[in-house]
Amino acid sequence: MTEVIHFKKSDRAFEAYGDDPKKASIARLVGPEHSKTMGADIARFDDCSIAWTVLYDELIVTLEGKFRLRVGDEVFDTVPGDVLWVPKGTALAYEGDGATVFYALDPVDWRTRQA
């Protein structure tokens, strides 16, 4: 794709992520249909802990609320404007209190590569 896309906040649709859609959700933005290299989404986390091992490099920017990233015994507490770099293969848990984050990942086709 070679054109600019405007993802308007008013058009954003969140889908459930994890076990409780009221506590964690994702609005999909840039996927393989848009880019051959990077992906990007917006996620919300509220009073939850979502365990995951990232299968890609990830950059997380806290937009609202308090976001936490647990990596083993280490906890990264963030506030709006803070940025986290997470290398591929990191086992973690996404947590938050009214948190909204933007994240970008590379490669966008990580699911296909893992198959």
N, C-alpha and C. Protein backbone atom coordinates (compact mmCIF):
# COMPACT_ATOMS: atom_id res chain seq x y z
N MET A 1 0.85 -1.17 0.00
CA MET A 1 0.00 0.00 0.00
C MET A 1 0.90 1.24 0.00
N THR A 2 0.55 2.22 -0.77
CA THR A 2 1.40 3.40 -0.91
C THR A 2 0.68 4.70 -0.57
N GLU A 3 -0.46 4.61 0.06
CA GLU A 3 -1.20 5.83 0.39
C GLU A 3 -1.29 6.03 1.89
N VAL A 4 -1.45 7.29 2.26
CA VAL A 4 -1.60 7.63 3.67
C VAL A 4 -3.00 7.21 4.12
N ILE A 5 -3.08 6.64 5.31
CA ILE A 5 -4.36 6.25 5.90
C ILE A 5 -4.56 7.04 7.18
N HIS A 6 -5.72 7.63 7.34
CA HIS A 6 -6.06 8.40 8.54
C HIS A 6 -6.96 7.52 9.41
N PHE A 7 -6.45 7.08 10.54
CA PHE A 7 -7.22 6.27 11.48
C PHE A 7 -7.86 7.22 12.49
N LYS A 8 -9.10 7.57 12.29
CA LYS A 8 -9.78 8.53 13.17
C LYS A 8 -10.20 7.87 14.48
N LYS A 9 -10.01 8.58 15.56
CA LYS A 9 -10.41 8.08 16.88
C LYS A 9 -11.89 7.74 16.89
N SER A 10 -12.70 8.56 16.23
CA SER A 10 -14.15 8.35 16.23
C SER A 10 -14.55 7.06 15.49
N ASP A 11 -13.69 6.55 14.62
CA ASP A 11 -13.98 5.32 13.88
C ASP A 11 -13.39 4.07 14.52
N ARG A 12 -12.63 4.25 15.60
CA ARG A 12 -11.92 3.14 16.23
C ARG A 12 -12.90 2.14 16.86
N ALA A 13 -12.70 0.86 16.55
CA ALA A 13 -13.53 -0.21 17.12
C ALA A 13 -12.61 -1.15 17.91
N PHE A 14 -12.94 -1.35 19.18
CA PHE A 14 -12.14 -2.22 20.03
C PHE A 14 -12.76 -3.61 20.08
N GLU A 15 -11.91 -4.63 20.06
CA GLU A 15 -12.35 -6.01 20.20
C GLU A 15 -11.70 -6.62 21.43
N ALA A 16 -12.36 -7.61 21.99
CA ALA A 16 -11.87 -8.24 23.22
C ALA A 16 -10.48 -8.81 23.05
N TYR A 17 -9.69 -8.71 24.12
CA TYR A 17 -8.36 -9.30 24.17
C TYR A 17 -8.23 -9.97 25.53
N GLY A 18 -7.90 -11.24 25.55
CA GLY A 18 -7.81 -11.96 26.82
C GLY A 18 -9.16 -12.50 27.22
N ASP A 19 -9.32 -12.78 28.50
CA ASP A 19 -10.51 -13.45 29.00
C ASP A 19 -11.70 -12.53 29.27
N ASP A 20 -11.48 -11.25 29.54
CA ASP A 20 -12.56 -10.35 29.91
C ASP A 20 -12.54 -9.11 29.03
N PRO A 21 -13.49 -9.02 28.07
CA PRO A 21 -13.48 -7.89 27.13
C PRO A 21 -13.69 -6.54 27.80
N LYS A 22 -14.21 -6.52 29.03
CA LYS A 22 -14.38 -5.26 29.75
C LYS A 22 -13.06 -4.77 30.33
N LYS A 23 -12.08 -5.67 30.43
CA LYS A 23 -10.80 -5.31 31.06
C LYS A 23 -9.65 -5.16 30.08
N ALA A 24 -9.74 -5.79 28.91
CA ALA A 24 -8.67 -5.67 27.91
C ALA A 24 -9.28 -5.74 26.51
N SER A 25 -8.87 -4.81 25.65
CA SER A 25 -9.38 -4.78 24.28
C SER A 25 -8.36 -4.12 23.37
N ILE A 26 -8.50 -4.40 22.06
CA ILE A 26 -7.56 -3.89 21.06
C ILE A 26 -8.33 -3.29 19.89
N ALA A 27 -7.85 -2.14 19.42
CA ALA A 27 -8.33 -1.55 18.17
C ALA A 27 -7.23 -1.78 17.14
N ARG A 28 -7.54 -2.58 16.14
CA ARG A 28 -6.56 -2.92 15.10
C ARG A 28 -6.35 -1.72 14.17
N LEU A 29 -5.09 -1.45 13.84
CA LEU A 29 -4.77 -0.35 12.95
C LEU A 29 -4.01 -0.86 11.72
N VAL A 30 -2.71 -1.04 11.84
CA VAL A 30 -1.87 -1.42 10.71
C VAL A 30 -1.55 -2.91 10.80
N GLY A 31 -1.96 -3.64 9.77
CA GLY A 31 -1.69 -5.07 9.71
C GLY A 31 -1.02 -5.44 8.40
N PRO A 32 -0.89 -6.73 8.12
CA PRO A 32 -0.23 -7.18 6.90
C PRO A 32 -0.87 -6.66 5.61
N GLU A 33 -2.15 -6.32 5.69
CA GLU A 33 -2.82 -5.78 4.50
C GLU A 33 -2.37 -4.35 4.18
N HIS A 34 -1.70 -3.71 5.15
CA HIS A 34 -1.22 -2.34 4.97
C HIS A 34 0.29 -2.26 4.75
N SER A 35 1.03 -3.12 5.45
CA SER A 35 2.49 -3.00 5.45
C SER A 35 3.12 -4.39 5.37
N LYS A 36 4.28 -4.46 4.77
CA LYS A 36 5.01 -5.72 4.70
C LYS A 36 5.98 -5.86 5.87
N THR A 37 6.13 -4.81 6.67
CA THR A 37 7.14 -4.84 7.73
C THR A 37 6.61 -4.59 9.13
N MET A 38 5.80 -3.55 9.34
CA MET A 38 5.40 -3.20 10.70
C MET A 38 3.90 -3.28 10.91
N GLY A 39 3.52 -3.49 12.17
CA GLY A 39 2.13 -3.47 12.57
C GLY A 39 1.95 -2.47 13.68
N ALA A 40 0.70 -2.03 13.91
CA ALA A 40 0.43 -1.07 14.98
C ALA A 40 -1.03 -1.17 15.39
N ASP A 41 -1.27 -1.05 16.69
CA ASP A 41 -2.62 -1.10 17.25
C ASP A 41 -2.68 -0.22 18.49
N ILE A 42 -3.89 -0.06 19.01
CA ILE A 42 -4.11 0.62 20.29
C ILE A 42 -4.80 -0.39 21.20
N ALA A 43 -4.35 -0.48 22.45
CA ALA A 43 -4.92 -1.44 23.39
C ALA A 43 -5.30 -0.75 24.68
N ARG A 44 -6.30 -1.33 25.35
CA ARG A 44 -6.74 -0.86 26.67
C ARG A 44 -6.58 -1.99 27.68
N PHE A 45 -6.11 -1.62 28.87
CA PHE A 45 -5.96 -2.58 29.96
C PHE A 45 -6.48 -1.95 31.24
N ASP A 46 -7.40 -2.62 31.92
CA ASP A 46 -7.94 -2.08 33.16
C ASP A 46 -8.18 -3.21 34.15
N ASP A 47 -7.41 -3.21 35.23
CA ASP A 47 -7.57 -4.20 36.29
C ASP A 47 -7.45 -5.62 35.74
N CYS A 48 -6.36 -5.86 34.99
CA CYS A 48 -6.16 -7.19 34.42
C CYS A 48 -4.67 -7.48 34.29
N SER A 49 -4.37 -8.73 34.02
CA SER A 49 -3.00 -9.16 33.75
C SER A 49 -3.06 -10.17 32.62
N ILE A 50 -2.47 -9.82 31.48
CA ILE A 50 -2.50 -10.67 30.29
C ILE A 50 -1.09 -11.20 30.05
N ALA A 51 -0.89 -12.49 30.28
CA ALA A 51 0.42 -13.11 30.08
C ALA A 51 0.63 -13.39 28.59
N TRP A 52 1.87 -13.19 28.13
CA TRP A 52 2.19 -13.37 26.72
C TRP A 52 3.70 -13.44 26.56
N THR A 53 4.16 -14.10 25.54
CA THR A 53 5.56 -14.02 25.13
C THR A 53 5.57 -13.39 23.75
N VAL A 54 6.21 -12.23 23.61
CA VAL A 54 6.17 -11.53 22.33
C VAL A 54 6.98 -12.29 21.29
N LEU A 55 6.40 -12.41 20.12
CA LEU A 55 7.00 -13.14 19.01
C LEU A 55 7.47 -12.16 17.94
N TYR A 56 7.79 -10.95 18.38
CA TYR A 56 8.16 -9.83 17.52
C TYR A 56 8.83 -8.79 18.40
N ASP A 57 9.50 -7.81 17.81
CA ASP A 57 9.97 -6.66 18.57
C ASP A 57 8.78 -5.72 18.73
N GLU A 58 8.66 -5.11 19.91
CA GLU A 58 7.49 -4.27 20.20
C GLU A 58 7.91 -2.97 20.86
N LEU A 59 7.24 -1.90 20.46
CA LEU A 59 7.41 -0.58 21.06
C LEU A 59 6.06 -0.18 21.62
N ILE A 60 6.01 0.19 22.91
CA ILE A 60 4.75 0.53 23.57
C ILE A 60 4.82 1.96 24.08
N VAL A 61 3.81 2.77 23.75
CA VAL A 61 3.72 4.15 24.21
C VAL A 61 2.45 4.28 25.05
N THR A 62 2.59 4.68 26.31
CA THR A 62 1.42 4.88 27.16
C THR A 62 0.75 6.19 26.78
N LEU A 63 -0.56 6.11 26.47
CA LEU A 63 -1.33 7.28 26.07
C LEU A 63 -2.18 7.83 27.22
N GLU A 64 -2.79 6.92 27.99
CA GLU A 64 -3.68 7.31 29.10
C GLU A 64 -3.53 6.33 30.25
N GLY A 65 -3.82 6.79 31.45
CA GLY A 65 -3.84 5.93 32.62
C GLY A 65 -2.46 5.46 33.03
N LYS A 66 -2.46 4.36 33.79
CA LYS A 66 -1.21 3.76 34.29
C LYS A 66 -1.08 2.37 33.68
N PHE A 67 -0.01 2.16 32.94
CA PHE A 67 0.27 0.88 32.30
C PHE A 67 1.46 0.24 32.98
N ARG A 68 1.39 -1.09 33.16
CA ARG A 68 2.49 -1.85 33.75
C ARG A 68 2.86 -2.99 32.82
N LEU A 69 4.15 -3.23 32.75
CA LEU A 69 4.66 -4.38 32.03
C LEU A 69 5.47 -5.18 33.03
N ARG A 70 5.07 -6.44 33.26
CA ARG A 70 5.81 -7.33 34.16
C ARG A 70 6.67 -8.25 33.32
N VAL A 71 7.95 -8.28 33.65
CA VAL A 71 8.91 -9.17 32.99
C VAL A 71 9.66 -9.87 34.12
N GLY A 72 9.26 -11.12 34.39
CA GLY A 72 9.84 -11.83 35.53
C GLY A 72 9.51 -11.09 36.81
N ASP A 73 10.52 -10.79 37.62
CA ASP A 73 10.32 -10.05 38.87
C ASP A 73 10.38 -8.54 38.68
N GLU A 74 10.67 -8.10 37.46
CA GLU A 74 10.80 -6.67 37.19
C GLU A 74 9.46 -6.10 36.71
N VAL A 75 9.10 -4.91 37.24
CA VAL A 75 7.86 -4.25 36.85
C VAL A 75 8.21 -2.86 36.31
N PHE A 76 7.69 -2.57 35.13
CA PHE A 76 7.88 -1.25 34.51
C PHE A 76 6.56 -0.51 34.62
N ASP A 77 6.48 0.47 35.52
CA ASP A 77 5.29 1.30 35.69
C ASP A 77 5.42 2.51 34.79
N THR A 78 4.41 2.74 33.95
CA THR A 78 4.48 3.86 33.02
C THR A 78 3.27 4.78 33.16
N VAL A 79 3.45 6.00 32.72
CA VAL A 79 2.40 7.02 32.68
C VAL A 79 2.40 7.60 31.27
N PRO A 80 1.38 8.39 30.92
CA PRO A 80 1.31 8.94 29.57
C PRO A 80 2.62 9.62 29.15
N GLY A 81 3.06 9.24 27.95
CA GLY A 81 4.30 9.77 27.39
C GLY A 81 5.48 8.83 27.54
N ASP A 82 5.40 7.86 28.46
CA ASP A 82 6.48 6.90 28.63
C ASP A 82 6.47 5.89 27.48
N VAL A 83 7.67 5.40 27.13
CA VAL A 83 7.84 4.46 26.02
C VAL A 83 8.64 3.26 26.50
N LEU A 84 8.21 2.07 26.09
CA LEU A 84 8.93 0.83 26.40
C LEU A 84 9.34 0.13 25.11
N TRP A 85 10.56 -0.39 25.08
CA TRP A 85 11.04 -1.23 23.98
C TRP A 85 11.07 -2.66 24.52
N VAL A 86 10.46 -3.59 23.80
CA VAL A 86 10.39 -4.99 24.23
C VAL A 86 10.94 -5.88 23.11
N PRO A 87 12.07 -6.56 23.35
CA PRO A 87 12.64 -7.40 22.30
C PRO A 87 11.89 -8.73 22.14
N LYS A 88 11.93 -9.23 20.93
CA LYS A 88 11.32 -10.52 20.59
C LYS A 88 11.76 -11.59 21.59
N GLY A 89 10.80 -12.45 21.98
CA GLY A 89 11.10 -13.55 22.89
C GLY A 89 10.90 -13.23 24.35
N THR A 90 10.49 -11.99 24.68
CA THR A 90 10.30 -11.60 26.07
C THR A 90 8.99 -12.16 26.61
N ALA A 91 9.06 -12.92 27.72
CA ALA A 91 7.87 -13.40 28.43
C ALA A 91 7.44 -12.28 29.37
N LEU A 92 6.16 -11.91 29.34
CA LEU A 92 5.71 -10.74 30.09
C LEU A 92 4.24 -10.85 30.46
N ALA A 93 3.76 -9.82 31.14
CA ALA A 93 2.33 -9.64 31.39
C ALA A 93 2.01 -8.17 31.19
N TYR A 94 0.95 -7.91 30.41
CA TYR A 94 0.45 -6.55 30.21
C TYR A 94 -0.57 -6.28 31.30
N GLU A 95 -0.45 -5.15 31.97
CA GLU A 95 -1.37 -4.79 33.05
C GLU A 95 -1.68 -3.30 32.97
N GLY A 96 -2.76 -2.88 33.62
CA GLY A 96 -3.04 -1.46 33.62
C GLY A 96 -4.18 -1.08 34.53
N ASP A 97 -4.23 0.20 34.82
CA ASP A 97 -5.33 0.81 35.56
C ASP A 97 -5.84 1.94 34.67
N GLY A 98 -6.91 1.67 33.93
CA GLY A 98 -7.44 2.65 33.00
C GLY A 98 -6.42 3.03 31.94
N ALA A 99 -5.60 2.08 31.52
CA ALA A 99 -4.50 2.36 30.59
C ALA A 99 -4.93 2.19 29.14
N THR A 100 -4.48 3.12 28.32
CA THR A 100 -4.58 3.00 26.87
C THR A 100 -3.17 3.17 26.34
N VAL A 101 -2.75 2.23 25.49
CA VAL A 101 -1.40 2.28 24.93
C VAL A 101 -1.46 2.14 23.42
N PHE A 102 -0.49 2.74 22.76
CA PHE A 102 -0.25 2.51 21.33
C PHE A 102 0.93 1.57 21.27
N TYR A 103 0.88 0.58 20.38
CA TYR A 103 2.06 -0.26 20.21
C TYR A 103 2.30 -0.54 18.73
N ALA A 104 3.58 -0.63 18.42
CA ALA A 104 4.02 -0.99 17.08
C ALA A 104 4.86 -2.25 17.19
N LEU A 105 4.78 -3.10 16.16
CA LEU A 105 5.54 -4.34 16.20
C LEU A 105 6.15 -4.64 14.84
N ASP A 106 7.22 -5.42 14.90
CA ASP A 106 7.93 -5.83 13.70
C ASP A 106 8.49 -7.24 13.93
N PRO A 107 8.18 -8.20 13.08
CA PRO A 107 7.52 -8.06 11.79
C PRO A 107 6.00 -8.16 11.92
N VAL A 108 5.30 -7.53 11.01
CA VAL A 108 3.85 -7.54 11.02
C VAL A 108 3.29 -8.94 10.77
N ASP A 109 4.01 -9.77 10.04
CA ASP A 109 3.54 -11.11 9.69
C ASP A 109 4.05 -12.19 10.63
N TRP A 110 4.22 -11.85 11.91
CA TRP A 110 4.77 -12.79 12.89
C TRP A 110 3.93 -14.06 13.00
N ARG A 111 2.61 -13.96 12.84
CA ARG A 111 1.77 -15.16 12.93
C ARG A 111 2.13 -16.16 11.84
N THR A 112 2.29 -15.68 10.62
CA THR A 112 2.65 -16.54 9.49
C THR A 112 4.02 -17.16 9.70
N ARG A 113 4.94 -16.38 10.21
CA ARG A 113 6.30 -16.87 10.43
C ARG A 113 6.35 -17.95 11.52
N GLN A 114 5.41 -17.90 12.48
CA GLN A 114 5.39 -18.88 13.57
C GLN A 114 4.74 -20.20 13.16
N ALA A 115 3.97 -20.17 12.08
CA ALA A 115 3.23 -21.37 11.65
C ALA A 115 4.15 -22.48 11.17
